[in-house]
Amino acid sequence: MGSKRRHWALAAAPLALALLAVTGCESATDAEAKPTAASSNAPLARVCAKPAAGPAKAPAGAVTVDPAVAGDLAAKTRSNPPNTTFWLRPGRHRLDPDRYAQVVPKEGNSYLGAPGAVLDGGKKNQYAFGGTARDVTIRYLTVQGFVAPHDEGVVNHDSADGWVIEHATIQHNSGAGLMAGARQRVRASCLRGNGQYGMNAYKATGRISGLVVEGNEIVGNNTGDWERRRKGCGCTGGIKFWAVDVADVRGNWVHDNRGTGLWADTNNNDFRIEDNVLEANDGAALIYETSYNAVIRKNTIRRNNWVEGRKAADRGDTFPFATVYLSESGGEPRIRARTDKIEIYGNVLENNWSGITLWENADRFCNSPANTSSGACTLLVKDTDRCAQPAIATAPLYADCRWKTQRVDIHGNRFVLDESVVGCAEKCDRMAVLANYGTYPDWSPYQGDRVAEAITREQHNRWHDNVYVGPWTFVAHDPSRVLDSGQWQSTPYQQDAGSTFRAGDGG
């Protein structure tokens, strides 16, 4: 796991609003029916304030764990066979004081917390649950006060497969509250106030497949402010996903995280991100970076990126820092998934700092020193060493050695901006599709504006049938080309056919 920042670009309280019907000028370039505006009515997963209560009595056959005995949970786990259910009595449960003391489950174990059961690391223990046992279940338990190191996690520390985390509260830990393995299910849980990530979906060896994250509240994570402490590390988020193949992220309330809400970084594939409420995160609501094939639909996305977007504007940065940011990511039919493109539709984006940016770094490709993804290569090239001169300048490696922002279809969304609400006068109103001028390294076949031309005109990236309310502007090709809606819709860009625009502020 390493630094994952881009070379020149972004490092990337509930509010119910009734939106007025859109009126105003209709696109003159397309006489098709007006798009149906998405509505801002997704429910909030209020898990942290109202956690579900566990069983008040031990289930039949369960082993009872006593909070008055330090280390009782770990000891009874060691002395009982696989597939045992443990019931933790109400109270504060502790491990032995050694920093490496932890619970090491056996395959099929279940851990159930009674009402008021808390496993507390006391700011001494690094890990709560570790080991490689599969199919472990943790329900109705609060896990807090553990001090995992940077990039490591407290629950499922070793990214074992098949774990189920339900109705749990994982809060106020250092590092990541939760790690992930294949087939992991995280449901109706509170991931709150952890030092680095709420969850770090990372596995040291191999890919994670079949991940479900559903109905959780993910709030206030990255209390350690790691992007400031390690500038450009790309090592934070409400949830960070690395090399995950097939993920369903739905019905979550992701809010008030320091930095990005949801961040998929490096060779993720086949994500469905739907019916979430993403709001008031300091940075982008969603980053999908050097990854493939996704459906992003029916999300309510509001008041994100006010902190990081404003900082960039104040320092004079002209890059369109976005609330939904696709960086070197696109649809790829050759990689098996439930879709062969990135489709963004049916979402409401409301009073965020800017909208959607599609970006591609011309200098970031396999074997380039500018590739910040720790030596990773695309999923299309098995032998990274092939991405070198002279072969990289010819087919198929010219196309396959770089992550491409391509086949992105953005339609049926509602984009609302009231600058008086956001508190800005400029640079918070942009949609964008662009790249930088390739310069590095000197053997790169992508020098000049080749990539900027490709992402803008050749890679099938398309906005259409959206609704815009407010003073939106558009950026194409490079940051210097700032367009109004008419220029955006006209030749050569021909974007947002069938869309409607209402230029006045507000919704």
Protein backbone atom coordinates (compact mmCIF):
# COMPACT_ATOMS: atom_id res chain seq x y z
CA MET A 1 0.00 0.00 0.00
CA GLY A 2 1.48 3.33 -0.92
CA SER A 3 0.87 6.93 -1.79
CA LYS A 4 -1.95 7.34 -4.28
CA ARG A 5 -2.07 11.02 -5.21
CA ARG A 6 -2.47 12.46 -8.67
CA HIS A 7 0.39 14.43 -10.27
CA TRP A 8 -1.55 17.66 -10.85
CA ALA A 9 -5.05 17.74 -9.53
CA LEU A 10 -7.27 16.86 -6.64
CA ALA A 11 -5.77 14.45 -4.17
CA ALA A 12 -8.17 14.07 -4.54
CA ALA A 13 -26.06 17.44 9.19
CA PRO A 14 -29.09 16.21 7.45
CA LEU A 15 -31.05 18.75 5.44
CA ALA A 16 -34.33 17.95 3.73
CA LEU A 17 -34.97 20.19 0.74
CA ALA A 18 -37.99 20.19 -1.49
CA LEU A 19 -36.74 21.10 -4.95
CA LEU A 20 -38.83 23.24 -7.25
CA ALA A 21 -39.63 22.10 -10.76
CA VAL A 22 -37.13 23.32 -13.30
CA THR A 23 -38.13 26.11 -15.65
CA GLY A 24 -36.05 28.18 -17.99
CA CYS A 25 -34.23 27.75 -21.25
CA GLU A 26 -34.18 24.35 -22.85
CA SER A 27 -31.25 23.12 -24.88
CA ALA A 28 -31.54 24.30 -28.45
CA THR A 29 -29.44 21.42 -29.69
CA ASP A 30 -31.87 18.62 -28.95
CA ALA A 31 -35.65 18.53 -29.08
CA GLU A 32 -35.97 15.28 -27.17
CA ALA A 33 -38.17 15.05 -24.09
CA LYS A 34 -36.89 16.77 -20.98
CA PRO A 35 -35.08 14.52 -18.53
CA THR A 36 -36.85 13.44 -15.40
CA ALA A 37 -35.22 15.22 -12.48
CA ALA A 38 -33.95 13.07 -9.64
CA SER A 39 -35.35 13.97 -6.23
CA SER A 40 -33.48 14.53 -2.97
CA ASN A 41 -35.34 12.08 -0.77
CA ALA A 42 -32.91 9.30 0.16
CA PRO A 43 -33.38 8.20 3.80
CA LEU A 44 -30.61 8.63 6.35
CA ALA A 45 -29.03 5.62 8.02
CA ARG A 46 -29.13 7.08 11.54
CA VAL A 47 -27.21 4.19 13.04
CA CYS A 48 -24.89 5.96 15.49
CA ALA A 49 -27.59 7.82 17.42
CA LYS A 50 -29.92 4.83 17.59
CA PRO A 51 -27.89 1.61 17.57
CA ALA A 52 -29.85 -1.64 17.56
CA ALA A 53 -29.78 -3.53 20.85
CA GLY A 54 -28.34 -7.01 21.09
CA PRO A 55 -29.83 -9.95 22.98
CA ALA A 56 -30.41 -9.24 26.69
CA LYS A 57 -29.88 -12.91 27.51
CA ALA A 58 -27.33 -15.39 26.26
CA PRO A 59 -28.65 -17.39 23.29
CA ALA A 60 -28.93 -21.13 23.79
CA GLY A 61 -25.52 -22.77 23.63
CA ALA A 62 -23.58 -19.47 23.74
CA VAL A 63 -20.47 -19.00 25.88
CA THR A 64 -20.90 -16.07 28.27
CA VAL A 65 -18.05 -13.55 28.53
CA ASP A 66 -17.53 -11.65 31.80
CA PRO A 67 -16.44 -7.98 31.61
CA ALA A 68 -15.02 -8.18 35.14
CA VAL A 69 -12.31 -10.60 33.96
CA ALA A 70 -9.64 -8.93 31.82
CA GLY A 71 -8.81 -11.05 28.78
CA ASP A 72 -11.86 -13.30 29.26
CA LEU A 73 -12.99 -12.95 25.64
CA ALA A 74 -9.60 -13.88 24.15
CA ALA A 75 -9.11 -16.76 26.59
CA LYS A 76 -12.52 -18.30 25.99
CA THR A 77 -12.02 -17.94 22.24
CA ARG A 78 -8.80 -19.94 22.52
CA SER A 79 -10.37 -22.67 24.67
CA ASN A 80 -13.51 -23.26 22.59
CA PRO A 81 -13.86 -24.93 19.19
CA PRO A 82 -14.72 -23.30 15.85
CA ASN A 83 -18.34 -22.25 15.23
CA THR A 84 -18.84 -21.18 18.84
CA THR A 85 -21.14 -18.28 19.72
CA PHE A 86 -19.92 -15.87 22.42
CA TRP A 87 -22.26 -13.52 24.28
CA LEU A 88 -20.63 -10.51 25.90
CA ARG A 89 -22.40 -9.33 29.03
CA PRO A 90 -23.20 -5.62 29.49
CA GLY A 91 -20.18 -3.62 30.57
CA ARG A 92 -16.65 -2.69 29.55
CA HIS A 93 -14.67 -5.70 28.34
CA ARG A 94 -10.88 -5.47 28.28
CA LEU A 95 -8.02 -7.48 26.83
CA ASP A 96 -4.72 -8.20 28.53
CA PRO A 97 -2.61 -5.02 28.76
CA ASP A 98 0.01 -6.12 26.20
CA ARG A 99 -0.33 -3.96 23.10
CA TYR A 100 -0.49 -7.03 20.83
CA ALA A 101 -3.17 -8.78 22.89
CA GLN A 102 -6.20 -9.45 20.69
CA VAL A 103 -9.05 -11.84 20.03
CA VAL A 104 -8.12 -14.43 17.39
CA PRO A 105 -11.39 -16.05 16.28
CA LYS A 106 -11.76 -19.56 14.94
CA GLU A 107 -13.66 -20.30 11.76
CA GLY A 108 -17.38 -19.65 12.04
CA ASN A 109 -17.25 -17.98 15.45
CA SER A 110 -19.94 -15.44 16.35
CA TYR A 111 -19.61 -12.59 18.85
CA LEU A 112 -22.82 -11.01 20.14
CA GLY A 113 -22.93 -8.01 22.42
CA ALA A 114 -25.63 -7.57 25.04
CA PRO A 115 -27.07 -4.06 25.40
CA GLY A 116 -24.21 -1.91 26.69
CA ALA A 117 -21.42 -4.37 25.85
CA VAL A 118 -18.20 -2.57 24.89
CA LEU A 119 -14.81 -4.00 23.96
CA ASP A 120 -12.39 -1.23 24.92
CA GLY A 121 -8.70 -1.18 24.01
CA GLY A 122 -8.00 1.45 26.64
CA LYS A 123 -5.60 3.19 24.24
CA LYS A 124 -3.17 0.32 24.94
CA ASN A 125 -4.14 -2.57 22.66
CA GLN A 126 -3.54 -2.19 18.94
CA TYR A 127 -6.03 -4.74 17.60
CA ALA A 128 -9.42 -6.07 18.68
CA PHE A 129 -10.05 -9.00 16.30
CA GLY A 130 -7.34 -10.49 14.08
CA GLY A 131 -6.21 -13.73 12.47
CA THR A 132 -7.17 -15.49 9.26
CA ALA A 133 -10.26 -17.48 10.32
CA ARG A 134 -13.10 -17.25 7.82
CA ASP A 135 -16.80 -16.56 8.26
CA VAL A 136 -16.65 -14.76 11.59
CA THR A 137 -19.67 -12.73 12.72
CA ILE A 138 -19.67 -9.68 15.02
CA ARG A 139 -23.05 -8.18 15.99
CA TYR A 140 -24.35 -5.60 18.47
CA LEU A 141 -20.91 -4.86 19.89
CA THR A 142 -19.13 -1.55 20.42
CA VAL A 143 -15.38 -1.64 19.73
CA GLN A 144 -13.44 1.45 20.76
CA GLY A 145 -10.20 2.84 22.11
CA PHE A 146 -7.75 0.70 20.10
CA VAL A 147 -4.55 2.18 18.67
CA ALA A 148 -3.80 0.44 15.38
CA PRO A 149 -0.77 1.81 13.52
CA HIS A 150 -1.12 3.89 10.37
CA ASP A 151 -2.66 1.87 7.48
CA GLU A 152 -3.64 -0.97 9.83
CA GLY A 153 -7.05 -1.81 11.29
CA VAL A 154 -8.72 -2.79 14.54
CA VAL A 155 -11.50 -5.22 13.55
CA ASN A 156 -10.57 -7.98 11.08
CA HIS A 157 -7.01 -6.72 11.26
CA ASP A 158 -5.71 -9.41 8.89
CA SER A 159 -8.44 -8.98 6.24
CA ALA A 160 -9.82 -12.50 6.62
CA ASP A 161 -12.62 -13.57 4.26
CA GLY A 162 -16.31 -13.93 4.80
CA TRP A 163 -16.73 -11.79 7.91
CA VAL A 164 -20.11 -10.29 8.76
CA ILE A 165 -20.22 -7.05 10.77
CA GLU A 166 -23.78 -6.04 11.68
CA HIS A 167 -25.30 -3.56 14.14
CA ALA A 168 -21.81 -2.83 15.45
CA THR A 169 -20.31 0.46 16.59
CA ILE A 170 -16.62 0.83 15.76
CA GLN A 171 -15.47 4.19 17.02
CA HIS A 172 -12.64 6.35 18.37
CA ASN A 173 -9.83 4.05 17.30
CA SER A 174 -6.50 4.91 15.66
CA GLY A 175 -5.80 3.65 12.15
CA ALA A 176 -8.80 2.06 10.44
CA GLY A 177 -11.77 0.98 12.49
CA LEU A 178 -12.32 -1.98 10.20
CA MET A 179 -10.40 -3.87 7.52
CA ALA A 180 -12.06 -6.01 4.84
CA GLY A 181 -11.67 -9.38 3.21
CA ALA A 182 -13.47 -11.14 0.38
CA ARG A 183 -17.21 -11.68 0.75
CA GLN A 184 -17.34 -9.33 3.72
CA ARG A 185 -20.72 -7.88 4.73
CA VAL A 186 -20.85 -4.65 6.72
CA ARG A 187 -24.43 -3.73 7.53
CA ALA A 188 -26.27 -1.26 9.77
CA SER A 189 -23.10 -0.35 11.65
CA CYS A 190 -21.64 2.90 12.95
CA LEU A 191 -18.08 3.64 11.80
CA ARG A 192 -17.37 6.85 13.69
CA GLY A 193 -14.47 9.08 14.63
CA ASN A 194 -11.63 6.73 13.70
CA GLY A 195 -8.16 8.16 13.25
CA GLN A 196 -7.57 7.28 9.61
CA TYR A 197 -10.42 5.34 7.94
CA GLY A 198 -13.82 4.11 8.99
CA MET A 199 -12.97 1.06 6.88
CA ASN A 200 -9.86 0.25 4.87
CA ALA A 201 -10.84 -2.34 2.24
CA TYR A 202 -7.31 -3.51 1.61
CA LYS A 203 -5.79 -6.99 1.46
CA ALA A 204 -2.02 -7.41 1.45
CA THR A 205 -2.14 -10.36 -0.96
CA GLY A 206 -4.68 -10.74 -3.73
CA ARG A 207 -7.88 -8.91 -4.50
CA ILE A 208 -11.02 -8.51 -2.42
CA SER A 209 -14.16 -9.80 -4.12
CA GLY A 210 -17.85 -9.62 -3.30
CA LEU A 211 -17.89 -6.79 -0.74
CA VAL A 212 -21.21 -5.43 0.57
CA VAL A 213 -21.44 -2.18 2.54
CA GLU A 214 -25.09 -1.47 3.32
CA GLY A 215 -27.08 0.80 5.59
CA ASN A 216 -24.15 2.10 7.66
CA GLU A 217 -23.42 5.50 9.12
CA ILE A 218 -19.85 6.52 8.33
CA VAL A 219 -19.07 9.78 10.09
CA GLY A 220 -16.22 11.92 11.38
CA ASN A 221 -13.33 9.69 10.33
CA ASN A 222 -9.72 10.77 9.71
CA THR A 223 -9.51 12.53 13.05
CA GLY A 224 -5.73 12.25 12.65
CA ASP A 225 -5.86 14.56 9.61
CA TRP A 226 -3.37 12.36 7.74
CA GLU A 227 -3.45 14.25 4.44
CA ARG A 228 -2.03 17.26 6.27
CA ARG A 229 0.50 15.23 8.23
CA ARG A 230 1.68 13.35 5.12
CA LYS A 231 0.92 15.72 2.30
CA GLY A 232 -0.40 13.98 -0.78
CA CYS A 233 -0.51 10.53 0.85
CA GLY A 234 -3.99 9.69 -0.44
CA CYS A 235 -4.38 7.59 2.70
CA THR A 236 -7.71 8.65 4.19
CA GLY A 237 -11.44 8.50 3.68
CA GLY A 238 -14.67 7.49 5.29
CA ILE A 239 -14.00 4.26 3.39
CA LYS A 240 -11.04 3.53 1.12
CA PHE A 241 -11.23 0.66 -1.38
CA TRP A 242 -8.14 -0.95 -2.94
CA ALA A 243 -8.27 -3.64 -5.65
CA VAL A 244 -11.86 -4.63 -4.87
CA ASP A 245 -13.69 -6.64 -7.52
CA VAL A 246 -17.49 -6.44 -7.25
CA ALA A 247 -18.74 -4.17 -4.48
CA ASP A 248 -22.23 -3.04 -3.56
CA VAL A 249 -22.24 0.17 -1.55
CA ARG A 250 -25.84 1.14 -0.86
CA GLY A 251 -28.04 2.95 1.58
CA ASN A 252 -25.22 4.43 3.66
CA TRP A 253 -25.05 7.86 5.29
CA VAL A 254 -21.50 9.09 4.72
CA HIS A 255 -21.05 12.49 6.29
CA ASP A 256 -18.75 14.94 8.03
CA ASN A 257 -15.58 13.00 7.33
CA ARG A 258 -12.33 14.95 7.22
CA GLY A 259 -11.41 14.53 3.57
CA THR A 260 -13.14 12.23 1.09
CA GLY A 261 -16.32 10.30 1.86
CA LEU A 262 -15.91 7.21 -0.37
CA TRP A 263 -12.66 6.64 -2.25
CA ALA A 264 -11.99 3.72 -4.61
CA ASP A 265 -8.31 3.79 -5.51
CA THR A 266 -6.28 1.51 -7.84
CA ASN A 267 -7.73 -1.31 -9.91
CA ASN A 268 -11.16 -1.54 -8.37
CA ASN A 269 -13.84 -2.94 -10.67
CA ASP A 270 -17.58 -3.46 -10.85
CA PHE A 271 -18.93 -1.12 -8.16
CA ARG A 272 -22.56 -0.25 -7.59
CA ILE A 273 -22.82 2.87 -5.47
CA GLU A 274 -26.51 3.60 -4.97
CA ASP A 275 -29.11 5.12 -2.67
CA ASN A 276 -26.49 6.68 -0.39
CA VAL A 277 -26.54 10.09 1.24
CA LEU A 278 -23.10 11.68 0.95
CA GLU A 279 -22.94 15.02 2.68
CA ALA A 280 -20.79 17.59 4.41
CA ASN A 281 -17.51 15.77 3.84
CA ASP A 282 -14.56 18.16 3.82
CA GLY A 283 -13.38 16.83 0.47
CA ALA A 284 -15.01 15.02 -2.42
CA ALA A 285 -18.07 12.92 -1.72
CA LEU A 286 -16.74 10.23 -4.07
CA ILE A 287 -13.43 9.56 -5.82
CA TYR A 288 -13.14 6.70 -8.32
CA GLU A 289 -9.45 6.52 -9.25
CA THR A 290 -7.49 4.28 -11.63
CA SER A 291 -10.42 1.88 -11.59
CA TYR A 292 -13.03 0.34 -13.88
CA ASN A 293 -16.73 -0.23 -14.57
CA ALA A 294 -19.20 1.24 -12.09
CA VAL A 295 -22.81 2.32 -11.67
CA ILE A 296 -23.30 5.41 -9.49
CA ARG A 297 -27.03 6.05 -9.16
CA LYS A 298 -29.81 7.48 -7.02
CA ASN A 299 -27.49 9.07 -4.49
CA THR A 300 -28.14 12.33 -2.65
CA ILE A 301 -24.89 14.31 -2.63
CA ARG A 302 -24.96 17.66 -0.83
CA ARG A 303 -22.65 20.22 0.78
CA ASN A 304 -19.43 18.32 0.11
CA ASN A 305 -15.95 19.64 -0.69
CA TRP A 306 -16.48 23.02 0.94
CA VAL A 307 -13.21 22.82 2.88
CA GLU A 308 -10.82 21.36 0.30
CA GLY A 309 -12.41 23.11 -2.68
CA ARG A 310 -12.22 26.47 -0.96
CA LYS A 311 -8.60 25.93 0.06
CA ALA A 312 -7.68 25.25 -3.57
CA ALA A 313 -9.53 28.35 -4.77
CA ASP A 314 -7.92 30.52 -2.11
CA ARG A 315 -4.45 29.47 -3.21
CA GLY A 316 -5.30 30.30 -6.82
CA ASP A 317 -5.44 26.75 -8.16
CA THR A 318 -7.32 26.64 -11.47
CA PHE A 319 -8.04 22.91 -11.40
CA PRO A 320 -11.78 22.05 -11.17
CA PHE A 321 -11.76 20.33 -7.78
CA ALA A 322 -14.92 18.25 -7.82
CA THR A 323 -17.42 16.60 -5.54
CA VAL A 324 -17.57 13.49 -7.75
CA TYR A 325 -14.09 12.95 -9.16
CA LEU A 326 -13.21 10.28 -11.72
CA SER A 327 -9.45 10.08 -12.13
CA GLU A 328 -8.06 7.76 -14.82
CA SER A 329 -11.17 5.59 -14.49
CA GLY A 330 -13.61 4.35 -17.08
CA GLY A 331 -15.60 1.56 -18.62
CA GLU A 332 -13.64 -1.36 -20.05
CA PRO A 333 -15.58 -4.15 -21.84
CA ARG A 334 -12.60 -6.51 -21.65
CA ILE A 335 -12.82 -6.65 -17.85
CA ARG A 336 -15.73 -8.74 -16.66
CA ALA A 337 -18.34 -6.77 -14.71
CA ARG A 338 -22.07 -6.09 -14.48
CA THR A 339 -21.54 -3.07 -16.72
CA ASP A 340 -18.98 -2.14 -19.34
CA LYS A 341 -18.96 1.59 -18.63
CA ILE A 342 -19.20 4.05 -15.78
CA GLU A 343 -22.78 5.23 -15.60
CA ILE A 344 -23.73 8.14 -13.33
CA TYR A 345 -27.47 8.73 -13.29
CA GLY A 346 -30.46 9.61 -11.15
CA ASN A 347 -28.36 11.47 -8.57
CA VAL A 348 -29.06 14.82 -6.90
CA LEU A 349 -25.98 17.00 -6.41
CA GLU A 350 -26.96 19.95 -4.30
CA ASN A 351 -24.85 22.90 -3.16
CA ASN A 352 -21.51 21.15 -3.33
CA TRP A 353 -18.22 22.76 -4.28
CA SER A 354 -18.46 22.03 -8.03
CA GLY A 355 -19.93 18.93 -9.64
CA ILE A 356 -18.34 16.10 -11.63
CA THR A 357 -14.80 16.15 -13.00
CA LEU A 358 -13.46 13.56 -15.43
CA TRP A 359 -9.67 13.73 -15.35
CA GLU A 360 -6.76 11.89 -16.85
CA ASN A 361 -3.13 12.50 -15.98
CA ALA A 362 -1.14 12.13 -19.20
CA ASP A 363 2.01 11.33 -17.21
CA ARG A 364 0.48 8.53 -15.13
CA PHE A 365 0.81 5.10 -16.70
CA CYS A 366 2.54 1.76 -16.06
CA ASN A 367 6.26 2.17 -15.34
CA SER A 368 6.10 5.95 -15.31
CA PRO A 369 7.82 7.63 -12.36
CA ALA A 370 4.68 9.78 -12.19
CA ASN A 371 2.52 6.75 -11.44
CA THR A 372 1.83 7.25 -7.75
CA SER A 373 0.03 3.89 -7.43
CA SER A 374 3.12 2.21 -5.96
CA GLY A 375 4.24 0.40 -9.10
CA ALA A 376 0.80 -0.93 -10.01
CA CYS A 377 -0.19 -1.46 -13.63
CA THR A 378 -3.55 -1.62 -15.37
CA LEU A 379 -5.64 -4.78 -15.26
CA LEU A 380 -5.00 -5.19 -18.99
CA VAL A 381 -1.25 -5.73 -18.73
CA LYS A 382 0.04 -8.70 -16.75
CA ASP A 383 3.73 -8.05 -17.31
CA THR A 384 4.38 -4.48 -16.28
CA ASP A 385 7.85 -4.52 -17.82
CA ARG A 386 6.24 -4.61 -21.27
CA CYS A 387 5.17 -0.99 -20.79
CA ALA A 388 8.46 0.45 -22.00
CA GLN A 389 9.91 1.79 -25.22
CA PRO A 390 9.68 0.87 -27.98
CA ALA A 391 6.66 -1.44 -27.43
CA ILE A 392 4.60 1.04 -25.41
CA ALA A 393 4.37 3.35 -28.41
CA THR A 394 2.56 0.71 -30.48
CA ALA A 395 -0.71 -1.21 -30.26
CA PRO A 396 -1.97 -2.73 -28.06
CA LEU A 397 0.29 -1.41 -25.28
CA TYR A 398 -0.17 2.24 -26.24
CA ALA A 399 -3.81 1.90 -25.13
CA ASP A 400 -3.44 -0.75 -22.43
CA CYS A 401 -0.53 0.67 -20.41
CA ARG A 402 -2.52 3.64 -19.18
CA TRP A 403 -5.69 3.91 -17.15
CA LYS A 404 -8.22 5.73 -19.31
CA THR A 405 -11.16 7.87 -18.38
CA GLN A 406 -13.50 6.55 -21.02
CA ARG A 407 -17.08 5.40 -21.61
CA VAL A 408 -18.48 7.59 -18.83
CA ASP A 409 -22.22 8.26 -19.26
CA ILE A 410 -23.65 11.05 -17.07
CA HIS A 411 -27.41 11.48 -17.46
CA GLY A 412 -30.67 12.09 -15.65
CA ASN A 413 -29.02 13.90 -12.74
CA ARG A 414 -30.09 17.12 -11.04
CA PHE A 415 -27.32 19.63 -10.34
CA VAL A 416 -28.30 22.47 -7.99
CA LEU A 417 -26.00 25.32 -6.99
CA ASP A 418 -26.79 28.37 -4.88
CA GLU A 419 -23.53 30.26 -4.46
CA SER A 420 -24.93 32.14 -1.45
CA VAL A 421 -25.35 28.81 0.35
CA VAL A 422 -21.91 27.52 -0.58
CA GLY A 423 -20.40 30.91 0.17
CA CYS A 424 -18.40 31.37 -3.01
CA ALA A 425 -18.18 33.72 -5.96
CA GLU A 426 -16.17 31.58 -8.37
CA LYS A 427 -14.54 28.17 -8.92
CA CYS A 428 -17.33 26.30 -7.13
CA ASP A 429 -19.58 25.98 -10.19
CA ARG A 430 -17.76 23.64 -12.59
CA MET A 431 -18.29 20.44 -14.52
CA ALA A 432 -15.19 19.27 -16.31
CA VAL A 433 -13.55 16.80 -18.66
CA LEU A 434 -9.82 17.42 -19.07
CA ALA A 435 -6.22 16.29 -18.92
CA ASN A 436 -2.83 17.89 -18.48
CA TYR A 437 -0.21 18.46 -21.17
CA GLY A 438 2.01 15.37 -21.16
CA THR A 439 5.66 16.09 -20.41
CA TYR A 440 7.13 13.26 -18.33
CA PRO A 441 9.11 11.04 -18.51
CA ASP A 442 11.08 11.82 -21.64
CA TRP A 443 10.28 8.40 -23.15
CA SER A 444 6.53 8.79 -22.68
CA PRO A 445 4.44 8.22 -25.82
CA TYR A 446 1.68 10.43 -24.30
CA GLN A 447 3.45 13.76 -24.48
CA GLY A 448 1.71 16.92 -25.62
CA ASP A 449 -2.07 17.24 -25.71
CA ARG A 450 -2.76 13.70 -26.98
CA VAL A 451 -4.49 12.61 -23.79
CA ALA A 452 -6.40 15.89 -23.44
CA GLU A 453 -7.75 15.44 -26.96
CA ALA A 454 -8.61 11.80 -26.29
CA ILE A 455 -10.50 12.31 -23.04
CA THR A 456 -12.41 15.27 -24.43
CA ARG A 457 -13.36 14.01 -27.89
CA GLU A 458 -12.43 10.38 -28.48
CA GLN A 459 -13.12 8.29 -25.38
CA HIS A 460 -16.92 8.39 -25.39
CA ASN A 461 -17.42 10.51 -22.30
CA ARG A 462 -20.89 12.00 -22.43
CA TRP A 463 -23.21 14.25 -20.42
CA HIS A 464 -26.87 14.31 -21.55
CA ASP A 465 -30.44 14.78 -20.30
CA ASN A 466 -29.48 16.43 -17.03
CA VAL A 467 -31.11 19.31 -15.15
CA TYR A 468 -29.00 22.29 -14.07
CA VAL A 469 -30.16 24.89 -11.57
CA GLY A 470 -27.76 27.73 -10.82
CA PRO A 471 -24.78 29.46 -12.47
CA TRP A 472 -22.90 26.44 -13.82
CA THR A 473 -19.78 26.68 -15.97
CA PHE A 474 -17.92 23.95 -17.82
CA VAL A 475 -14.26 23.09 -18.39
CA ALA A 476 -13.06 21.05 -21.35
CA HIS A 477 -9.67 19.79 -22.56
CA ASP A 478 -7.56 21.73 -20.02
CA PRO A 479 -8.17 24.16 -17.13
CA SER A 480 -7.86 27.23 -19.37
CA ARG A 481 -10.97 26.37 -21.41
CA VAL A 482 -13.86 27.59 -19.28
CA LEU A 483 -17.16 27.45 -21.17
CA ASP A 484 -20.73 28.58 -20.73
CA SER A 485 -23.56 26.13 -21.35
CA GLY A 486 -23.92 27.17 -24.99
CA GLN A 487 -20.25 26.55 -25.73
CA TRP A 488 -20.39 23.27 -23.81
CA GLN A 489 -23.29 22.08 -25.95
CA SER A 490 -21.87 23.31 -29.24
CA THR A 491 -19.17 21.95 -31.55
CA PRO A 492 -16.60 20.62 -30.85
CA TYR A 493 -17.70 19.44 -27.37
CA GLN A 494 -21.39 18.68 -27.99
CA GLN A 495 -22.14 17.84 -24.39
CA ASP A 496 -25.45 17.84 -22.48
CA ALA A 497 -27.81 17.25 -25.39
CA GLY A 498 -31.37 17.19 -24.06
CA SER A 499 -30.42 18.91 -20.81
CA THR A 500 -32.16 21.93 -19.30
CA PHE A 501 -30.56 24.96 -17.69
CA ARG A 502 -31.87 27.54 -15.26
CA ALA A 503 -29.15 30.08 -14.71
CA GLY A 504 -30.50 31.78 -11.58
CA ASP A 505 -29.16 30.85 -8.16
CA GLY A 506 -31.02 28.49 -5.91
CA GLY A 507 -33.21 25.45 -6.31
